[in-house]
Amino acid sequence: MIRVGLFIDTFFPMVDGVINVVDNYAKRLKDEEFEVVVFAPKTRDKKYVDNFSYKVVRCKSLKVFFLDYDLPIPAFDRKFKKALKESKLDIVHIHSPFAVAKAGIKYAKKHNIPVVATLHSQFKKDIYRSSHSKILTKIILKKIMRVFNKCDEYYAVNSKIAEIFYEYGTNHLPLVQRNGTDFVPVIDEEKSIKLVNEKYNIPKDMPVFLFVGRINALKNIYFIVEALSKLKDRNFKMMFVGDGQDMDELKKRIKKFGLQDNIIMTGKVMDRELLKAIYFRAKLFLFPSMYDASSLVQIEAASQKTPTIFLDGSATSATVTNNVNGFIAEGTPEKFAEKIQEILDNPKLYNTVQEGAVRDLFVTWDDTVNEMKEKYKFFVKLYNNKQ
């Protein structure tokens, strides 16, 4: 039995891509060969209670009033340190480079067990966006890379992120380990289309474009609205699925460009079957984010035969080849609109890319975690042989 510790510096009830990755790993690391423990900070939500199929060990954290997340302080939490000490881990897997992850690395070094990392975020962009200081960004990034370089191996979510982290200062080019999805293709296609059409009052044959994610300017959501305003034919519906701090501003932009009749704001959709149907109903998934590293939503879209349009140069576009398994547009609203129009005018191209998206991008979490299990076994065996 191999006992895996997954270490992350934010966790539920917050929700983001990294948290979903850890959750999906943990769900699948409970079988006859593996056990798992997730180490994470406590939440500021006093009413929240963990209810998982796997064990979660929480550490104390400090509330940071100007941020929506808290500062974990595992070094000052005796109960957490005792639980970690008694965990009897065989391998540590970190998903962030801060206090909780450092506790995992410290444990691994002390007990002479392997430690690996998954590289999720473009930290340089995040730090500079918060600090507006190149010097501070350089200092903090150097500290982050010191943490990752204590690991035996690191895995990037795509080839672009591997290159970015190599530029940040990893000891070698990270390996690629793609994320997956818990979605499977819809079974009753007609039923799914009818469900979405009736729920959101969409005409039967009208093209539907889709964005799923946080309604946050970082996701380049205003770009979507401006691009859609430049389409020659406004016979379409655009669905924004999600909620976030920039909802009011997004609505202002929609009104500014006169797209009120074209756009549907669904809010969060917690029903996974409904969300799957929405993906299937959409003709195109619009994802012009330059912020994301490798979003889970593009894999979810591919699972439902819905190709994605990315911006040229984005990290998220690293998994696709233009007009083969996805679409890549130049970085202006005009060019993005032109790409949408090109796709709408060319059904043969669309069908080719639709098939390519499913073939090349649809990866299940079962496949992803099974690949990682083999890597865990390799490193545990390697360390045992060393001893």
Protein backbone atom coordinates (compact mmCIF):
# COMPACT_ATOMS: atom_id res chain seq x y z
CA MET A 1 0.00 0.00 0.00
CA ILE A 2 1.38 3.39 -1.04
CA ARG A 3 0.25 6.30 1.12
CA VAL A 4 0.17 9.61 -0.78
CA GLY A 5 0.05 13.07 0.79
CA LEU A 6 -1.43 15.84 -1.38
CA PHE A 7 -0.45 19.31 -0.15
CA ILE A 8 -2.27 22.50 -1.21
CA ASP A 9 -2.39 26.04 0.22
CA THR A 10 -6.08 26.70 -0.58
CA PHE A 11 -8.99 24.26 -0.48
CA PHE A 12 -12.75 23.96 -0.31
CA PRO A 13 -15.09 25.75 0.23
CA MET A 14 -13.07 27.94 -2.14
CA VAL A 15 -13.24 26.59 -5.68
CA ASP A 16 -10.66 26.97 -8.43
CA GLY A 17 -8.90 24.80 -10.97
CA VAL A 18 -6.08 23.65 -8.66
CA ILE A 19 -8.51 22.70 -5.89
CA ASN A 20 -10.55 20.67 -8.39
CA VAL A 21 -7.38 18.90 -9.55
CA VAL A 22 -6.47 17.87 -5.99
CA ASP A 23 -10.04 16.77 -5.29
CA ASN A 24 -10.11 14.57 -8.39
CA TYR A 25 -6.72 13.05 -7.54
CA ALA A 26 -7.82 12.31 -3.98
CA LYS A 27 -11.06 10.64 -5.06
CA ARG A 28 -9.09 8.20 -7.21
CA LEU A 29 -6.25 7.45 -4.81
CA LYS A 30 -8.35 5.19 -2.62
CA ASP A 31 -8.07 1.59 -3.80
CA GLU A 32 -6.30 -1.66 -3.01
CA GLU A 33 -2.90 -0.12 -3.86
CA PHE A 34 -3.18 3.46 -2.60
CA GLU A 35 -4.31 5.55 0.33
CA VAL A 36 -4.43 9.36 0.36
CA VAL A 37 -4.44 12.27 2.80
CA VAL A 38 -5.02 15.88 1.72
CA PHE A 39 -3.23 18.56 3.76
CA ALA A 40 -4.75 22.03 3.46
CA PRO A 41 -5.54 25.19 5.46
CA LYS A 42 -8.69 25.75 7.49
CA THR A 43 -11.43 27.93 6.02
CA ARG A 44 -12.72 31.22 7.43
CA ASP A 45 -16.27 29.88 6.92
CA LYS A 46 -17.16 28.65 10.42
CA LYS A 47 -20.26 26.80 9.18
CA TYR A 48 -18.36 24.77 6.58
CA VAL A 49 -17.83 21.07 7.36
CA ASP A 50 -15.62 18.71 5.34
CA ASN A 51 -17.54 15.85 3.77
CA PHE A 52 -15.21 13.89 1.51
CA SER A 53 -14.59 10.26 0.68
CA TYR A 54 -10.93 10.86 1.64
CA LYS A 55 -9.15 12.19 4.72
CA VAL A 56 -8.40 15.93 4.97
CA VAL A 57 -6.05 17.38 7.59
CA ARG A 58 -6.43 21.13 8.08
CA CYS A 59 -3.98 23.63 9.58
CA LYS A 60 -4.66 26.98 11.22
CA SER A 61 -4.73 30.03 9.00
CA LEU A 62 -4.81 33.81 9.34
CA LYS A 63 -7.52 35.87 7.67
CA VAL A 64 -6.15 38.33 5.11
CA PHE A 65 -8.86 40.99 4.88
CA PHE A 66 -7.95 42.39 1.46
CA LEU A 67 -7.76 38.91 -0.14
CA ASP A 68 -10.36 36.21 -0.64
CA TYR A 69 -8.08 33.52 0.78
CA ASP A 70 -6.31 33.00 4.11
CA LEU A 71 -2.67 32.61 5.09
CA PRO A 72 -1.94 29.06 6.31
CA ILE A 73 0.35 28.76 9.37
CA PRO A 74 1.07 25.02 9.77
CA ALA A 75 4.25 25.71 11.76
CA PHE A 76 2.10 27.14 14.60
CA ASP A 77 -0.47 24.36 14.66
CA ARG A 78 0.44 21.51 17.01
CA LYS A 79 -2.52 19.37 16.04
CA PHE A 80 -1.64 19.65 12.33
CA LYS A 81 2.03 18.85 12.96
CA LYS A 82 1.06 15.81 15.04
CA ALA A 83 -1.28 14.52 12.30
CA LEU A 84 1.42 15.03 9.67
CA LYS A 85 4.02 13.30 11.85
CA GLU A 86 1.73 10.28 12.30
CA SER A 87 0.60 10.11 8.65
CA LYS A 88 3.24 7.55 7.58
CA LEU A 89 3.37 8.88 4.02
CA ASP A 90 5.32 7.11 1.27
CA ILE A 91 5.34 10.05 -1.14
CA VAL A 92 4.50 13.76 -1.02
CA HIS A 93 2.83 15.57 -3.93
CA ILE A 94 2.66 19.37 -3.66
CA HIS A 95 0.32 21.54 -5.74
CA SER A 96 1.50 24.95 -4.51
CA PRO A 97 4.78 26.41 -3.23
CA PHE A 98 3.71 28.05 0.05
CA ALA A 99 3.43 27.16 3.75
CA VAL A 100 1.45 23.89 3.56
CA ALA A 101 3.56 22.62 0.65
CA LYS A 102 6.75 23.55 2.52
CA ALA A 103 5.52 21.45 5.45
CA GLY A 104 5.12 18.54 3.04
CA ILE A 105 8.62 18.96 1.64
CA LYS A 106 10.08 19.20 5.15
CA TYR A 107 8.32 15.96 6.07
CA ALA A 108 9.60 14.23 2.92
CA LYS A 109 13.22 15.26 3.51
CA LYS A 110 13.10 14.25 7.17
CA HIS A 111 11.65 10.81 6.39
CA ASN A 112 13.67 10.26 3.22
CA ILE A 113 10.69 9.81 0.91
CA PRO A 114 10.15 11.24 -2.59
CA VAL A 115 8.38 14.53 -3.23
CA VAL A 116 6.92 15.64 -6.58
CA ALA A 117 5.13 18.81 -7.67
CA THR A 118 2.50 19.82 -10.18
CA LEU A 119 3.07 23.29 -11.65
CA HIS A 120 -0.28 24.98 -12.19
CA SER A 121 -0.01 28.77 -12.15
CA GLN A 122 1.85 31.55 -13.93
CA PHE A 123 3.29 32.96 -10.70
CA LYS A 124 5.30 35.74 -12.32
CA LYS A 125 2.14 37.28 -13.78
CA ASP A 126 0.25 36.88 -10.50
CA ILE A 127 2.97 38.48 -8.38
CA TYR A 128 3.52 41.41 -10.71
CA ARG A 129 -0.21 42.04 -11.01
CA SER A 130 -0.43 42.31 -7.21
CA SER A 131 2.84 44.16 -6.51
CA HIS A 132 3.47 46.23 -9.68
CA SER A 133 7.14 45.82 -8.80
CA LYS A 134 9.65 44.00 -11.00
CA ILE A 135 12.15 43.78 -8.15
CA LEU A 136 9.65 42.30 -5.68
CA THR A 137 8.37 39.93 -8.37
CA LYS A 138 11.91 38.69 -8.99
CA ILE A 139 12.57 38.16 -5.27
CA ILE A 140 9.32 36.27 -4.60
CA LEU A 141 9.63 34.18 -7.76
CA LYS A 142 13.15 33.16 -6.72
CA LYS A 143 11.79 31.97 -3.34
CA ILE A 144 9.00 30.01 -5.07
CA MET A 145 11.45 28.28 -7.39
CA ARG A 146 13.64 27.31 -4.44
CA VAL A 147 10.65 25.37 -3.11
CA PHE A 148 9.92 23.59 -6.38
CA ASN A 149 13.58 22.77 -6.94
CA LYS A 150 13.61 20.73 -3.73
CA CYS A 151 11.30 18.23 -5.45
CA ASP A 152 12.47 15.03 -7.15
CA GLU A 153 10.35 15.82 -10.21
CA TYR A 154 7.84 18.37 -11.38
CA TYR A 155 4.97 18.08 -13.82
CA ALA A 156 3.55 20.92 -15.86
CA VAL A 157 -0.04 20.87 -17.08
CA ASN A 158 1.05 21.48 -20.69
CA SER A 159 4.19 22.10 -22.75
CA LYS A 160 3.85 25.90 -22.62
CA ILE A 161 3.74 25.91 -18.81
CA ALA A 162 6.77 23.58 -18.81
CA GLU A 163 8.67 26.17 -20.88
CA ILE A 164 7.48 29.03 -18.66
CA PHE A 165 8.68 27.29 -15.49
CA TYR A 166 12.00 26.45 -17.11
CA GLU A 167 12.38 30.18 -17.74
CA TYR A 168 11.42 30.80 -14.11
CA GLY A 169 14.36 28.60 -13.05
CA THR A 170 13.49 24.91 -12.72
CA ASN A 171 16.57 22.67 -12.70
CA HIS A 172 15.38 20.98 -15.88
CA LEU A 173 12.45 21.18 -18.28
CA PRO A 174 9.39 19.86 -16.40
CA LEU A 175 7.55 16.82 -17.70
CA VAL A 176 3.97 17.22 -18.92
CA GLN A 177 1.09 15.60 -17.04
CA ARG A 178 -2.24 16.72 -18.41
CA ASN A 179 -5.35 17.32 -16.34
CA GLY A 180 -8.58 15.44 -17.03
CA THR A 181 -12.33 15.66 -16.60
CA ASP A 182 -15.01 13.67 -14.81
CA PHE A 183 -17.36 14.25 -17.77
CA VAL A 184 -18.27 11.56 -20.25
CA PRO A 185 -20.08 12.31 -23.52
CA VAL A 186 -23.83 12.84 -23.24
CA ILE A 187 -25.85 9.74 -24.10
CA ASP A 188 -29.14 11.27 -25.27
CA GLU A 189 -28.04 14.16 -27.51
CA GLU A 190 -31.55 15.30 -28.50
CA LYS A 191 -32.69 15.32 -24.87
CA SER A 192 -29.67 17.43 -23.84
CA ILE A 193 -30.30 20.01 -26.57
CA LYS A 194 -34.00 20.20 -25.73
CA LEU A 195 -33.25 20.62 -22.02
CA VAL A 196 -30.99 23.64 -22.60
CA ASN A 197 -33.22 25.21 -25.27
CA GLU A 198 -36.29 25.05 -23.02
CA LYS A 199 -34.53 26.14 -19.82
CA TYR A 200 -32.88 29.18 -21.39
CA ASN A 201 -35.44 29.93 -24.13
CA ILE A 202 -33.04 29.33 -27.05
CA PRO A 203 -34.45 28.78 -30.57
CA LYS A 204 -33.85 25.30 -31.90
CA ASP A 205 -31.25 25.98 -34.63
CA MET A 206 -29.59 29.11 -33.19
CA PRO A 207 -25.76 28.97 -32.77
CA VAL A 208 -24.70 29.07 -29.12
CA PHE A 209 -21.32 30.27 -27.87
CA LEU A 210 -20.17 29.50 -24.33
CA PHE A 211 -17.87 30.64 -21.53
CA VAL A 212 -17.67 28.73 -18.23
CA GLY A 213 -15.66 30.06 -15.32
CA ARG A 214 -15.24 32.90 -12.87
CA ILE A 215 -16.72 36.19 -14.06
CA ASN A 216 -13.43 37.98 -13.58
CA ALA A 217 -11.61 40.46 -15.79
CA LEU A 218 -8.51 38.25 -15.58
CA LYS A 219 -10.36 35.75 -17.80
CA ASN A 220 -10.62 38.38 -20.60
CA ILE A 221 -14.41 38.27 -20.48
CA TYR A 222 -14.83 41.85 -21.75
CA PHE A 223 -12.85 40.85 -24.83
CA ILE A 224 -15.54 38.24 -25.61
CA VAL A 225 -18.31 40.85 -25.53
CA GLU A 226 -16.39 43.28 -27.75
CA ALA A 227 -15.53 40.53 -30.24
CA LEU A 228 -19.15 39.35 -30.47
CA SER A 229 -20.31 42.91 -31.13
CA LYS A 230 -18.29 42.80 -34.36
CA LEU A 231 -19.98 39.74 -35.85
CA LYS A 232 -21.80 40.52 -39.10
CA ASP A 233 -24.83 38.44 -38.11
CA ARG A 234 -26.11 38.74 -34.56
CA ASN A 235 -28.26 35.64 -34.82
CA PHE A 236 -26.61 33.83 -31.88
CA LYS A 237 -26.77 33.32 -28.14
CA MET A 238 -23.76 33.69 -25.86
CA MET A 239 -23.93 31.91 -22.48
CA PHE A 240 -21.79 33.05 -19.54
CA VAL A 241 -21.87 30.29 -16.93
CA GLY A 242 -20.43 31.33 -13.59
CA ASP A 243 -20.32 34.13 -11.07
CA GLY A 244 -17.69 36.54 -9.84
CA GLN A 245 -16.62 39.98 -8.75
CA ASP A 246 -16.86 41.56 -12.20
CA MET A 247 -20.44 40.58 -13.02
CA ASP A 248 -21.78 44.15 -12.81
CA GLU A 249 -19.05 45.49 -15.07
CA LEU A 250 -19.67 42.69 -17.58
CA LYS A 251 -23.37 43.61 -17.70
CA LYS A 252 -22.41 47.24 -18.36
CA ARG A 253 -20.24 46.18 -21.31
CA ILE A 254 -23.03 43.99 -22.69
CA LYS A 255 -25.39 46.96 -22.59
CA LYS A 256 -22.75 49.26 -24.09
CA PHE A 257 -22.41 47.02 -27.16
CA GLY A 258 -26.17 46.39 -27.44
CA LEU A 259 -25.94 42.64 -26.86
CA GLN A 260 -28.61 42.27 -24.18
CA ASP A 261 -30.79 40.08 -26.42
CA ASN A 262 -27.87 37.85 -27.37
CA ILE A 263 -26.39 37.08 -23.98
CA ILE A 264 -27.59 34.68 -21.27
CA MET A 265 -26.12 34.97 -17.77
CA THR A 266 -26.84 31.67 -16.03
CA GLY A 267 -24.92 32.23 -12.80
CA LYS A 268 -23.22 29.19 -11.27
CA VAL A 269 -24.49 25.85 -12.55
CA MET A 270 -23.89 23.24 -9.84
CA ASP A 271 -25.86 20.49 -11.59
CA ARG A 272 -23.12 18.64 -13.50
CA GLU A 273 -25.61 16.95 -15.84
CA LEU A 274 -27.11 20.30 -16.80
CA LEU A 275 -23.63 21.78 -17.26
CA LYS A 276 -22.69 18.86 -19.49
CA ALA A 277 -25.81 19.50 -21.58
CA ILE A 278 -24.89 23.19 -21.86
CA TYR A 279 -21.43 22.27 -23.16
CA PHE A 280 -23.01 19.93 -25.69
CA ARG A 281 -25.53 22.53 -26.85
CA ALA A 282 -22.75 25.06 -27.51
CA LYS A 283 -21.23 25.25 -30.96
CA LEU A 284 -18.04 26.95 -29.73
CA PHE A 285 -16.34 27.46 -26.40
CA LEU A 286 -14.80 30.95 -26.25
CA PHE A 287 -11.71 31.10 -24.05
CA PRO A 288 -9.51 34.14 -24.77
CA SER A 289 -7.82 34.08 -21.34
CA MET A 290 -4.13 34.99 -21.28
CA TYR A 291 -4.08 34.36 -17.52
CA ASP A 292 -4.92 30.65 -17.22
CA ALA A 293 -2.28 27.96 -17.44
CA SER A 294 -4.43 25.03 -18.57
CA SER A 295 -8.07 25.35 -17.66
CA LEU A 296 -10.20 22.29 -16.92
CA VAL A 297 -13.10 23.83 -18.83
CA GLN A 298 -11.42 23.36 -22.21
CA ILE A 299 -11.19 19.61 -21.49
CA GLU A 300 -14.83 19.56 -20.38
CA ALA A 301 -15.80 21.27 -23.65
CA ALA A 302 -13.84 18.74 -25.70
CA SER A 303 -15.58 15.89 -23.89
CA GLN A 304 -18.89 17.16 -25.32
CA LYS A 305 -17.62 17.64 -28.91
CA THR A 306 -17.37 21.42 -28.47
CA PRO A 307 -14.19 22.98 -29.93
CA THR A 308 -12.53 25.95 -28.20
CA ILE A 309 -11.22 29.21 -29.67
CA PHE A 310 -8.07 30.45 -27.92
CA LEU A 311 -5.86 33.50 -28.37
CA ASP A 312 -2.51 33.10 -30.09
CA GLY A 313 0.32 32.96 -27.55
CA SER A 314 -1.84 31.89 -24.61
CA ALA A 315 -0.66 29.05 -22.39
CA THR A 316 -4.07 27.39 -22.70
CA SER A 317 -3.64 27.04 -26.48
CA ALA A 318 -0.51 24.88 -26.07
CA THR A 319 -2.55 21.68 -26.28
CA VAL A 320 -4.13 22.47 -29.66
CA THR A 321 -3.18 22.81 -33.30
CA ASN A 322 -5.14 25.49 -35.13
CA ASN A 323 -7.91 24.08 -37.36
CA VAL A 324 -7.02 20.52 -36.29
CA ASN A 325 -8.32 20.05 -32.73
CA GLY A 326 -9.05 23.64 -31.75
CA PHE A 327 -9.05 27.17 -33.08
CA ILE A 328 -6.51 29.93 -32.46
CA ALA A 329 -7.24 33.57 -33.24
CA GLU A 330 -5.05 36.65 -33.27
CA GLY A 331 -5.33 38.85 -30.18
CA THR A 332 -7.78 41.54 -31.24
CA PRO A 333 -11.58 41.52 -30.96
CA GLU A 334 -11.79 42.03 -34.74
CA LYS A 335 -9.64 38.97 -35.51
CA PHE A 336 -11.46 36.88 -32.91
CA ALA A 337 -14.79 37.79 -34.54
CA GLU A 338 -13.38 36.97 -37.96
CA LYS A 339 -12.34 33.54 -36.69
CA ILE A 340 -15.83 32.86 -35.35
CA GLN A 341 -17.32 33.91 -38.68
CA GLU A 342 -14.86 31.70 -40.59
CA ILE A 343 -15.93 28.71 -38.49
CA LEU A 344 -19.64 29.41 -38.94
CA ASP A 345 -19.15 29.69 -42.72
CA ASN A 346 -17.19 26.44 -43.01
CA PRO A 347 -19.13 23.40 -41.66
CA LYS A 348 -16.54 20.96 -43.03
CA LEU A 349 -13.73 22.64 -41.08
CA TYR A 350 -15.90 22.73 -37.97
CA ASN A 351 -16.66 19.00 -38.16
CA THR A 352 -12.97 18.17 -38.62
CA VAL A 353 -11.95 20.21 -35.56
CA GLN A 354 -14.87 18.88 -33.54
CA GLU A 355 -13.65 15.31 -34.08
CA GLY A 356 -10.06 16.35 -33.39
CA ALA A 357 -11.00 17.98 -30.08
CA VAL A 358 -12.60 14.80 -28.77
CA ARG A 359 -9.78 12.63 -30.12
CA ASP A 360 -6.85 14.70 -28.83
CA LEU A 361 -8.05 16.71 -25.83
CA PHE A 362 -10.63 14.58 -24.05
CA VAL A 363 -8.79 12.94 -21.14
CA THR A 364 -10.56 11.44 -18.14
CA TRP A 365 -9.37 11.87 -14.58
CA ASP A 366 -9.16 8.09 -14.34
CA ASP A 367 -6.57 8.06 -17.14
CA THR A 368 -4.62 10.97 -15.66
CA VAL A 369 -4.49 9.59 -12.12
CA ASN A 370 -3.63 6.09 -13.34
CA GLU A 371 -0.62 7.60 -15.14
CA MET A 372 0.40 9.41 -11.97
CA LYS A 373 0.02 6.23 -9.92
CA GLU A 374 2.72 4.61 -12.06
CA LYS A 375 4.97 7.61 -11.40
CA TYR A 376 4.34 7.34 -7.66
CA LYS A 377 5.29 3.66 -7.78
CA PHE A 378 8.47 4.47 -9.67
CA PHE A 379 9.66 7.06 -7.16
CA VAL A 380 8.73 5.00 -4.10
CA LYS A 381 10.61 2.00 -5.53
CA LEU A 382 13.57 4.24 -6.42
CA TYR A 383 13.82 5.52 -2.85
CA ASN A 384 13.40 2.04 -1.38
CA ASN A 385 16.23 0.78 -3.57
CA LYS A 386 18.44 3.68 -2.45
CA GLN A 387 17.84 2.77 1.17
